Amino acid sequence: MTQGPLQGHDGPYPTPVEVTGLTVQPGWIDLNGHMNVGYYGIAFDEAADVLFVDHLGIGGDYIAAAGQGPFVLQAHTLFLNELRQGEGFSLRFRLVDHDHKRMHFFGEMIRDADGVLCATQEVVSMNVDHGTRRSAPYPDWVVARLARMKADHAGLAPSPHQGVPIGLRR
């Protein structure tokens, strides 16, 4: 296991963390003429990798050195507006909560042309040891970074889309 961080930084962290310069690719378009559901998930996941590597230091280098890394336990995506081929978009992330093994993030996908919120994704992940395939506590330096990020994000106004239950509205 790694003794200290190989990537990322100890803060302060952007509020929210933004990943910009993304574009809807031609292969991402479905029969309805807009970005396919699966590619929303890929976009959120790949942008979260930027958050994990560049800010928290728990990306590929950490995973290889420590033999553990974050596994998604639950994800909930809301699709609010379409994205079409060639449109630019950005993602914004905030850390909602954490403990010594888990993280709760909330992400927003924003269309660059008009600032419209197109989708949100709420995720709970857990650090898992690759040898035992069981949960494992994060090293102290990760927990300290999570605490700093949570504190930095505490002033962000909660999204009305966070924690939205799934079901038919009557």
N, C-alpha and C. Protein backbone atom coordinates (compact mmCIF):
# COMPACT_ATOMS: atom_id res chain seq x y z
N MET A 1 0.85 -1.18 0.00
CA MET A 1 0.00 0.00 0.00
C MET A 1 0.89 1.23 0.00
N THR A 2 0.47 2.24 -0.72
CA THR A 2 1.19 3.51 -0.77
C THR A 2 1.10 4.23 0.57
N GLN A 3 2.20 4.85 0.98
CA GLN A 3 2.23 5.57 2.25
C GLN A 3 1.69 6.98 2.14
N GLY A 4 1.73 7.56 0.97
CA GLY A 4 1.27 8.93 0.80
C GLY A 4 0.74 9.16 -0.59
N PRO A 5 0.25 10.37 -0.84
CA PRO A 5 -0.35 10.67 -2.14
C PRO A 5 0.67 10.70 -3.27
N LEU A 6 0.25 10.20 -4.42
CA LEU A 6 1.06 10.24 -5.63
C LEU A 6 0.55 11.32 -6.59
N GLN A 7 -0.70 11.73 -6.41
CA GLN A 7 -1.34 12.72 -7.28
C GLN A 7 -2.28 13.55 -6.44
N GLY A 8 -2.89 14.53 -7.09
CA GLY A 8 -3.87 15.36 -6.42
C GLY A 8 -3.22 16.40 -5.55
N HIS A 9 -4.02 17.03 -4.68
CA HIS A 9 -3.52 18.06 -3.79
C HIS A 9 -4.39 18.13 -2.55
N ASP A 10 -3.91 18.85 -1.55
CA ASP A 10 -4.59 18.92 -0.26
C ASP A 10 -5.60 20.07 -0.15
N GLY A 11 -5.87 20.75 -1.27
CA GLY A 11 -6.84 21.82 -1.27
C GLY A 11 -6.14 23.17 -1.18
N PRO A 12 -6.91 24.23 -1.21
CA PRO A 12 -8.37 24.24 -1.29
C PRO A 12 -8.85 23.70 -2.63
N TYR A 13 -10.10 23.23 -2.62
CA TYR A 13 -10.69 22.62 -3.81
C TYR A 13 -11.67 23.59 -4.46
N PRO A 14 -11.75 23.55 -5.80
CA PRO A 14 -12.74 24.39 -6.48
C PRO A 14 -14.15 24.07 -5.99
N THR A 15 -15.00 25.09 -5.97
CA THR A 15 -16.37 24.92 -5.47
C THR A 15 -17.38 25.37 -6.53
N PRO A 16 -17.91 24.49 -7.30
CA PRO A 16 -17.66 23.05 -7.38
C PRO A 16 -16.43 22.75 -8.24
N VAL A 17 -16.04 21.47 -8.26
CA VAL A 17 -14.98 21.02 -9.17
C VAL A 17 -15.61 20.95 -10.56
N GLU A 18 -14.98 21.59 -11.55
CA GLU A 18 -15.53 21.63 -12.91
C GLU A 18 -14.61 20.89 -13.88
N VAL A 19 -15.25 20.16 -14.80
CA VAL A 19 -14.56 19.51 -15.91
C VAL A 19 -15.19 20.07 -17.17
N THR A 20 -14.39 20.77 -17.98
CA THR A 20 -14.91 21.51 -19.12
C THR A 20 -14.35 20.97 -20.44
N GLY A 21 -14.88 21.51 -21.53
CA GLY A 21 -14.35 21.20 -22.86
C GLY A 21 -14.80 19.87 -23.43
N LEU A 22 -15.94 19.37 -22.99
CA LEU A 22 -16.46 18.09 -23.50
C LEU A 22 -17.44 18.35 -24.65
N THR A 23 -17.52 17.39 -25.58
CA THR A 23 -18.38 17.52 -26.75
C THR A 23 -19.10 16.21 -27.01
N VAL A 24 -20.38 16.28 -27.37
CA VAL A 24 -21.16 15.09 -27.73
C VAL A 24 -20.61 14.54 -29.05
N GLN A 25 -20.15 13.32 -29.02
CA GLN A 25 -19.53 12.67 -30.19
C GLN A 25 -20.59 12.04 -31.10
N PRO A 26 -20.31 11.91 -32.40
CA PRO A 26 -21.29 11.32 -33.33
C PRO A 26 -21.74 9.91 -32.91
N GLY A 27 -20.83 9.11 -32.40
CA GLY A 27 -21.18 7.74 -32.01
C GLY A 27 -22.02 7.65 -30.75
N TRP A 28 -22.24 8.76 -30.09
CA TRP A 28 -23.02 8.79 -28.85
C TRP A 28 -24.52 9.02 -29.11
N ILE A 29 -24.90 9.24 -30.36
CA ILE A 29 -26.28 9.60 -30.70
C ILE A 29 -27.12 8.35 -30.91
N ASP A 30 -28.32 8.34 -30.33
CA ASP A 30 -29.20 7.18 -30.45
C ASP A 30 -30.27 7.42 -31.53
N LEU A 31 -31.21 6.51 -31.64
CA LEU A 31 -32.25 6.59 -32.66
C LEU A 31 -33.20 7.77 -32.46
N ASN A 32 -33.21 8.36 -31.27
CA ASN A 32 -34.04 9.53 -31.00
C ASN A 32 -33.34 10.84 -31.38
N GLY A 33 -32.11 10.75 -31.86
CA GLY A 33 -31.39 11.93 -32.32
C GLY A 33 -30.71 12.74 -31.23
N HIS A 34 -30.57 12.14 -30.05
CA HIS A 34 -29.87 12.83 -28.96
C HIS A 34 -28.89 11.87 -28.29
N MET A 35 -28.12 12.38 -27.32
CA MET A 35 -27.12 11.55 -26.66
C MET A 35 -27.79 10.38 -25.95
N ASN A 36 -27.27 9.20 -26.22
CA ASN A 36 -27.79 7.96 -25.64
C ASN A 36 -27.54 7.92 -24.13
N VAL A 37 -28.48 7.33 -23.42
CA VAL A 37 -28.42 7.19 -21.96
C VAL A 37 -27.05 6.71 -21.48
N GLY A 38 -26.50 5.70 -22.11
CA GLY A 38 -25.24 5.12 -21.67
C GLY A 38 -24.09 6.10 -21.72
N TYR A 39 -24.11 7.02 -22.67
CA TYR A 39 -23.01 7.97 -22.80
C TYR A 39 -23.06 9.07 -21.75
N TYR A 40 -24.24 9.32 -21.19
CA TYR A 40 -24.30 10.22 -20.04
C TYR A 40 -23.49 9.61 -18.90
N GLY A 41 -23.69 8.32 -18.69
CA GLY A 41 -22.94 7.62 -17.64
C GLY A 41 -21.44 7.65 -17.89
N ILE A 42 -21.04 7.43 -19.14
CA ILE A 42 -19.62 7.46 -19.49
C ILE A 42 -19.05 8.86 -19.25
N ALA A 43 -19.79 9.89 -19.66
CA ALA A 43 -19.31 11.27 -19.47
C ALA A 43 -19.14 11.58 -17.99
N PHE A 44 -20.12 11.23 -17.17
CA PHE A 44 -20.00 11.46 -15.72
C PHE A 44 -18.81 10.67 -15.15
N ASP A 45 -18.66 9.43 -15.56
CA ASP A 45 -17.59 8.58 -15.03
C ASP A 45 -16.22 9.10 -15.42
N GLU A 46 -16.03 9.46 -16.67
CA GLU A 46 -14.73 9.95 -17.11
C GLU A 46 -14.41 11.30 -16.47
N ALA A 47 -15.40 12.15 -16.27
CA ALA A 47 -15.17 13.42 -15.59
C ALA A 47 -14.85 13.19 -14.12
N ALA A 48 -15.49 12.21 -13.50
CA ALA A 48 -15.17 11.88 -12.10
C ALA A 48 -13.72 11.42 -11.98
N ASP A 49 -13.19 10.77 -13.02
CA ASP A 49 -11.78 10.39 -12.99
C ASP A 49 -10.88 11.61 -12.86
N VAL A 50 -11.24 12.72 -13.50
CA VAL A 50 -10.47 13.95 -13.36
C VAL A 50 -10.51 14.41 -11.90
N LEU A 51 -11.68 14.37 -11.29
CA LEU A 51 -11.83 14.72 -9.88
C LEU A 51 -10.95 13.83 -9.01
N PHE A 52 -10.99 12.52 -9.26
CA PHE A 52 -10.24 11.58 -8.44
C PHE A 52 -8.73 11.72 -8.62
N VAL A 53 -8.25 11.91 -9.86
CA VAL A 53 -6.81 12.00 -10.13
C VAL A 53 -6.28 13.38 -9.77
N ASP A 54 -6.83 14.42 -10.39
CA ASP A 54 -6.25 15.77 -10.28
C ASP A 54 -6.45 16.42 -8.93
N HIS A 55 -7.51 16.04 -8.23
CA HIS A 55 -7.81 16.70 -6.96
C HIS A 55 -7.61 15.79 -5.75
N LEU A 56 -8.22 14.62 -5.74
CA LEU A 56 -8.15 13.76 -4.55
C LEU A 56 -6.97 12.79 -4.57
N GLY A 57 -6.41 12.50 -5.75
CA GLY A 57 -5.27 11.60 -5.82
C GLY A 57 -5.61 10.13 -5.62
N ILE A 58 -6.85 9.74 -5.97
CA ILE A 58 -7.26 8.35 -5.79
C ILE A 58 -7.63 7.70 -7.13
N GLY A 59 -6.91 8.11 -8.18
CA GLY A 59 -7.12 7.55 -9.51
C GLY A 59 -6.21 6.36 -9.75
N GLY A 60 -5.81 6.19 -11.01
CA GLY A 60 -5.05 5.02 -11.43
C GLY A 60 -3.76 4.77 -10.68
N ASP A 61 -2.97 5.81 -10.42
CA ASP A 61 -1.71 5.61 -9.71
C ASP A 61 -1.94 5.12 -8.29
N TYR A 62 -2.92 5.72 -7.61
CA TYR A 62 -3.28 5.29 -6.25
C TYR A 62 -3.75 3.83 -6.27
N ILE A 63 -4.62 3.51 -7.22
CA ILE A 63 -5.18 2.16 -7.30
C ILE A 63 -4.08 1.13 -7.52
N ALA A 64 -3.14 1.43 -8.44
CA ALA A 64 -2.04 0.50 -8.72
C ALA A 64 -1.13 0.34 -7.51
N ALA A 65 -0.81 1.43 -6.83
CA ALA A 65 0.11 1.38 -5.70
C ALA A 65 -0.53 0.78 -4.46
N ALA A 66 -1.79 1.11 -4.22
CA ALA A 66 -2.47 0.71 -2.98
C ALA A 66 -3.17 -0.64 -3.10
N GLY A 67 -3.48 -1.05 -4.34
CA GLY A 67 -4.24 -2.30 -4.50
C GLY A 67 -5.67 -2.15 -4.04
N GLN A 68 -6.20 -0.94 -4.11
CA GLN A 68 -7.59 -0.67 -3.72
C GLN A 68 -8.06 0.58 -4.43
N GLY A 69 -9.36 0.76 -4.48
CA GLY A 69 -9.91 1.93 -5.14
C GLY A 69 -11.41 2.00 -4.99
N PRO A 70 -11.99 3.12 -5.44
CA PRO A 70 -13.43 3.33 -5.27
C PRO A 70 -14.27 2.49 -6.23
N PHE A 71 -15.27 1.82 -5.68
CA PHE A 71 -16.28 1.08 -6.44
C PHE A 71 -17.61 1.80 -6.24
N VAL A 72 -18.38 1.97 -7.30
CA VAL A 72 -19.70 2.59 -7.18
C VAL A 72 -20.66 1.58 -6.55
N LEU A 73 -21.37 2.04 -5.51
CA LEU A 73 -22.40 1.23 -4.86
C LEU A 73 -23.79 1.56 -5.38
N GLN A 74 -24.00 2.85 -5.66
CA GLN A 74 -25.31 3.30 -6.11
C GLN A 74 -25.12 4.54 -6.96
N ALA A 75 -25.90 4.62 -8.04
CA ALA A 75 -25.88 5.81 -8.90
C ALA A 75 -27.31 6.10 -9.35
N HIS A 76 -27.66 7.37 -9.34
CA HIS A 76 -28.99 7.79 -9.76
C HIS A 76 -28.81 8.96 -10.72
N THR A 77 -29.28 8.79 -11.95
CA THR A 77 -29.15 9.82 -12.97
C THR A 77 -30.52 10.38 -13.32
N LEU A 78 -30.61 11.70 -13.38
CA LEU A 78 -31.81 12.39 -13.85
C LEU A 78 -31.50 12.99 -15.21
N PHE A 79 -32.36 12.76 -16.18
CA PHE A 79 -32.21 13.31 -17.52
C PHE A 79 -33.20 14.46 -17.66
N LEU A 80 -32.69 15.67 -17.76
CA LEU A 80 -33.54 16.86 -17.69
C LEU A 80 -33.70 17.57 -19.03
N ASN A 81 -32.66 17.56 -19.86
CA ASN A 81 -32.70 18.20 -21.18
C ASN A 81 -31.79 17.43 -22.12
N GLU A 82 -32.11 17.48 -23.40
CA GLU A 82 -31.33 16.76 -24.40
C GLU A 82 -29.98 17.41 -24.66
N LEU A 83 -29.04 16.57 -25.03
CA LEU A 83 -27.79 17.02 -25.64
C LEU A 83 -27.73 16.38 -27.01
N ARG A 84 -27.33 17.16 -28.02
CA ARG A 84 -27.27 16.67 -29.39
C ARG A 84 -25.84 16.66 -29.91
N GLN A 85 -25.65 15.96 -31.00
CA GLN A 85 -24.33 15.82 -31.60
C GLN A 85 -23.62 17.16 -31.77
N GLY A 86 -22.37 17.20 -31.35
CA GLY A 86 -21.54 18.38 -31.51
C GLY A 86 -21.68 19.43 -30.42
N GLU A 87 -22.69 19.30 -29.56
CA GLU A 87 -22.86 20.29 -28.49
C GLU A 87 -21.79 20.12 -27.42
N GLY A 88 -21.29 21.23 -26.95
CA GLY A 88 -20.32 21.22 -25.86
C GLY A 88 -21.03 21.18 -24.52
N PHE A 89 -20.38 20.55 -23.55
CA PHE A 89 -20.95 20.50 -22.21
C PHE A 89 -19.83 20.41 -21.17
N SER A 90 -20.20 20.72 -19.96
CA SER A 90 -19.28 20.67 -18.83
C SER A 90 -19.95 19.92 -17.69
N LEU A 91 -19.14 19.45 -16.75
CA LEU A 91 -19.66 18.77 -15.57
C LEU A 91 -19.14 19.46 -14.33
N ARG A 92 -20.01 19.54 -13.32
CA ARG A 92 -19.65 20.13 -12.02
C ARG A 92 -19.93 19.09 -10.94
N PHE A 93 -18.97 18.96 -10.03
CA PHE A 93 -19.10 17.98 -8.95
C PHE A 93 -18.97 18.65 -7.59
N ARG A 94 -19.73 18.13 -6.64
CA ARG A 94 -19.59 18.52 -5.25
C ARG A 94 -19.58 17.25 -4.39
N LEU A 95 -18.77 17.29 -3.34
CA LEU A 95 -18.76 16.20 -2.37
C LEU A 95 -19.83 16.51 -1.35
N VAL A 96 -20.81 15.63 -1.22
CA VAL A 96 -21.92 15.83 -0.29
C VAL A 96 -21.55 15.30 1.08
N ASP A 97 -20.92 14.11 1.13
CA ASP A 97 -20.61 13.50 2.41
C ASP A 97 -19.54 12.43 2.20
N HIS A 98 -18.95 11.99 3.29
CA HIS A 98 -17.95 10.91 3.25
C HIS A 98 -17.78 10.35 4.65
N ASP A 99 -17.19 9.17 4.71
CA ASP A 99 -16.68 8.62 5.95
C ASP A 99 -15.33 7.99 5.63
N HIS A 100 -14.84 7.09 6.44
CA HIS A 100 -13.49 6.54 6.22
C HIS A 100 -13.43 5.52 5.07
N LYS A 101 -14.58 5.12 4.52
CA LYS A 101 -14.61 4.16 3.41
C LYS A 101 -15.44 4.63 2.22
N ARG A 102 -16.36 5.56 2.43
CA ARG A 102 -17.34 5.90 1.39
C ARG A 102 -17.35 7.38 1.06
N MET A 103 -17.85 7.66 -0.18
CA MET A 103 -18.03 9.04 -0.65
C MET A 103 -19.42 9.16 -1.27
N HIS A 104 -20.01 10.33 -1.13
CA HIS A 104 -21.30 10.65 -1.73
C HIS A 104 -21.08 11.93 -2.54
N PHE A 105 -21.14 11.80 -3.87
CA PHE A 105 -20.94 12.93 -4.78
C PHE A 105 -22.22 13.26 -5.52
N PHE A 106 -22.33 14.52 -5.92
CA PHE A 106 -23.43 14.97 -6.76
C PHE A 106 -22.82 15.70 -7.95
N GLY A 107 -23.23 15.32 -9.17
CA GLY A 107 -22.71 15.94 -10.39
C GLY A 107 -23.82 16.55 -11.22
N GLU A 108 -23.45 17.61 -11.95
CA GLU A 108 -24.38 18.29 -12.85
C GLU A 108 -23.74 18.40 -14.23
N MET A 109 -24.51 18.10 -15.27
CA MET A 109 -24.07 18.23 -16.66
C MET A 109 -24.74 19.47 -17.25
N ILE A 110 -23.92 20.41 -17.70
CA ILE A 110 -24.40 21.71 -18.17
C ILE A 110 -24.07 21.89 -19.65
N ARG A 111 -25.08 22.26 -20.46
CA ARG A 111 -24.84 22.57 -21.87
C ARG A 111 -24.12 23.92 -21.94
N ASP A 112 -22.99 23.94 -22.64
CA ASP A 112 -22.17 25.14 -22.69
C ASP A 112 -22.84 26.32 -23.38
N ALA A 113 -23.58 26.07 -24.45
CA ALA A 113 -24.14 27.16 -25.26
C ALA A 113 -25.09 28.06 -24.48
N ASP A 114 -25.87 27.47 -23.56
CA ASP A 114 -26.89 28.26 -22.88
C ASP A 114 -26.92 28.07 -21.36
N GLY A 115 -26.01 27.24 -20.82
CA GLY A 115 -25.96 27.04 -19.38
C GLY A 115 -27.08 26.19 -18.81
N VAL A 116 -27.82 25.51 -19.68
CA VAL A 116 -28.96 24.69 -19.25
C VAL A 116 -28.47 23.41 -18.59
N LEU A 117 -29.09 23.06 -17.48
CA LEU A 117 -28.81 21.81 -16.78
C LEU A 117 -29.45 20.66 -17.57
N CYS A 118 -28.63 19.74 -18.06
CA CYS A 118 -29.13 18.63 -18.89
C CYS A 118 -29.30 17.34 -18.12
N ALA A 119 -28.47 17.10 -17.12
CA ALA A 119 -28.57 15.86 -16.35
C ALA A 119 -27.87 16.05 -15.01
N THR A 120 -28.26 15.23 -14.05
CA THR A 120 -27.55 15.15 -12.78
C THR A 120 -27.25 13.69 -12.50
N GLN A 121 -26.22 13.46 -11.71
CA GLN A 121 -25.92 12.10 -11.27
C GLN A 121 -25.45 12.16 -9.83
N GLU A 122 -26.06 11.34 -9.01
CA GLU A 122 -25.71 11.23 -7.61
C GLU A 122 -25.12 9.84 -7.39
N VAL A 123 -23.96 9.79 -6.75
CA VAL A 123 -23.22 8.53 -6.62
C VAL A 123 -22.73 8.34 -5.19
N VAL A 124 -22.84 7.10 -4.73
CA VAL A 124 -22.18 6.67 -3.50
C VAL A 124 -21.19 5.60 -3.91
N SER A 125 -19.93 5.79 -3.50
CA SER A 125 -18.90 4.79 -3.80
C SER A 125 -18.21 4.38 -2.51
N MET A 126 -17.50 3.24 -2.58
CA MET A 126 -16.81 2.70 -1.42
C MET A 126 -15.43 2.23 -1.84
N ASN A 127 -14.45 2.46 -1.00
CA ASN A 127 -13.10 1.97 -1.24
C ASN A 127 -13.07 0.46 -1.03
N VAL A 128 -12.52 -0.26 -2.02
CA VAL A 128 -12.50 -1.73 -1.97
C VAL A 128 -11.08 -2.23 -2.18
N ASP A 129 -10.66 -3.15 -1.34
CA ASP A 129 -9.37 -3.81 -1.45
C ASP A 129 -9.46 -4.81 -2.59
N HIS A 130 -8.54 -4.73 -3.56
CA HIS A 130 -8.61 -5.62 -4.72
C HIS A 130 -8.26 -7.06 -4.40
N GLY A 131 -7.51 -7.30 -3.34
CA GLY A 131 -7.17 -8.66 -2.96
C GLY A 131 -8.32 -9.39 -2.30
N THR A 132 -9.00 -8.73 -1.37
CA THR A 132 -10.09 -9.37 -0.63
C THR A 132 -11.45 -9.14 -1.27
N ARG A 133 -11.54 -8.12 -2.13
CA ARG A 133 -12.81 -7.69 -2.76
C ARG A 133 -13.81 -7.27 -1.69
N ARG A 134 -13.29 -6.73 -0.59
CA ARG A 134 -14.11 -6.23 0.52
C ARG A 134 -13.78 -4.76 0.75
N SER A 135 -14.68 -4.09 1.44
CA SER A 135 -14.44 -2.69 1.76
C SER A 135 -13.18 -2.55 2.61
N ALA A 136 -12.52 -1.41 2.44
CA ALA A 136 -11.31 -1.11 3.19
C ALA A 136 -11.28 0.38 3.50
N PRO A 137 -10.77 0.75 4.66
CA PRO A 137 -10.68 2.18 4.95
C PRO A 137 -9.68 2.86 4.04
N TYR A 138 -9.98 4.10 3.68
CA TYR A 138 -9.02 4.91 2.94
C TYR A 138 -7.86 5.26 3.88
N PRO A 139 -6.67 5.47 3.31
CA PRO A 139 -5.57 5.97 4.14
C PRO A 139 -5.95 7.33 4.74
N ASP A 140 -5.28 7.69 5.83
CA ASP A 140 -5.58 8.95 6.53
C ASP A 140 -5.49 10.17 5.61
N TRP A 141 -4.51 10.17 4.68
CA TRP A 141 -4.36 11.34 3.80
C TRP A 141 -5.56 11.50 2.88
N VAL A 142 -6.21 10.38 2.47
CA VAL A 142 -7.41 10.48 1.63
C VAL A 142 -8.56 11.03 2.47
N VAL A 143 -8.73 10.50 3.67
CA VAL A 143 -9.81 10.97 4.55
C VAL A 143 -9.64 12.47 4.83
N ALA A 144 -8.40 12.92 5.03
CA ALA A 144 -8.15 14.34 5.26
C ALA A 144 -8.53 15.17 4.03
N ARG A 145 -8.21 14.67 2.84
CA ARG A 145 -8.59 15.39 1.62
C ARG A 145 -10.10 15.42 1.45
N LEU A 146 -10.77 14.32 1.73
CA LEU A 146 -12.23 14.29 1.65
C LEU A 146 -12.84 15.29 2.63
N ALA A 147 -12.30 15.34 3.84
CA ALA A 147 -12.82 16.29 4.85
C ALA A 147 -12.63 17.73 4.36
N ARG A 148 -11.49 18.01 3.76
CA ARG A 148 -11.25 19.37 3.26
C ARG A 148 -12.20 19.70 2.12
N MET A 149 -12.39 18.74 1.18
CA MET A 149 -13.29 18.99 0.06
C MET A 149 -14.72 19.19 0.56
N LYS A 150 -15.15 18.36 1.51
CA LYS A 150 -16.50 18.51 2.04
C LYS A 150 -16.67 19.90 2.67
N ALA A 151 -15.67 20.33 3.43
CA ALA A 151 -15.72 21.66 4.04
C ALA A 151 -15.75 22.75 2.98
N ASP A 152 -14.92 22.60 1.94
CA ASP A 152 -14.90 23.59 0.87
C ASP A 152 -16.23 23.65 0.12
N HIS A 153 -16.92 22.52 0.01
CA HIS A 153 -18.18 22.45 -0.73
C HIS A 153 -19.41 22.73 0.15
N ALA A 154 -19.20 22.89 1.44
CA ALA A 154 -20.32 23.07 2.37
C ALA A 154 -21.13 24.32 2.07
N GLY A 155 -20.52 25.33 1.48
CA GLY A 155 -21.23 26.57 1.18
C GLY A 155 -22.05 26.55 -0.10
N LEU A 156 -21.93 25.48 -0.88
CA LEU A 156 -22.70 25.39 -2.12
C LEU A 156 -24.17 25.15 -1.80
N ALA A 157 -25.04 25.88 -2.47
CA ALA A 157 -26.48 25.68 -2.26
C ALA A 157 -26.87 24.28 -2.72
N PRO A 158 -27.68 23.58 -1.95
CA PRO A 158 -28.10 22.25 -2.38
C PRO A 158 -28.94 22.31 -3.65
N SER A 159 -28.78 21.31 -4.49
CA SER A 159 -29.56 21.23 -5.72
C SER A 159 -30.95 20.67 -5.41
N PRO A 160 -32.00 21.20 -6.04
CA PRO A 160 -33.32 20.61 -5.85
C PRO A 160 -33.40 19.19 -6.44
N HIS A 161 -32.40 18.80 -7.22
CA HIS A 161 -32.40 17.48 -7.84
C HIS A 161 -31.66 16.44 -6.99
N GLN A 162 -31.00 16.88 -5.95
CA GLN A 162 -30.25 15.96 -5.10
C GLN A 162 -31.22 15.18 -4.21
N GLY A 163 -31.02 13.87 -4.15
CA GLY A 163 -31.85 13.04 -3.30
C GLY A 163 -33.26 12.81 -3.81
N VAL A 164 -33.51 13.10 -5.09
CA VAL A 164 -34.84 12.94 -5.66
C VAL A 164 -35.19 11.45 -5.75
N PRO A 165 -36.31 11.04 -5.20
CA PRO A 165 -36.70 9.63 -5.28
C PRO A 165 -37.14 9.26 -6.70
N ILE A 166 -37.05 7.99 -6.98
CA ILE A 166 -37.53 7.50 -8.28
C ILE A 166 -38.94 6.94 -8.10
N GLY A 167 -39.78 7.13 -9.09
CA GLY A 167 -41.14 6.63 -9.02
C GLY A 167 -42.05 7.42 -9.93
N LEU A 168 -43.25 6.95 -10.09
CA LEU A 168 -44.25 7.65 -10.89
C LEU A 168 -44.91 8.72 -10.05
N ARG A 169 -44.98 9.92 -10.58
CA ARG A 169 -45.66 11.01 -9.85
C ARG A 169 -47.14 10.99 -10.19
N ARG A 170 -47.96 11.11 -9.22
CA ARG A 170 -49.41 11.09 -9.42
C ARG A 170 -50.00 12.41 -8.99
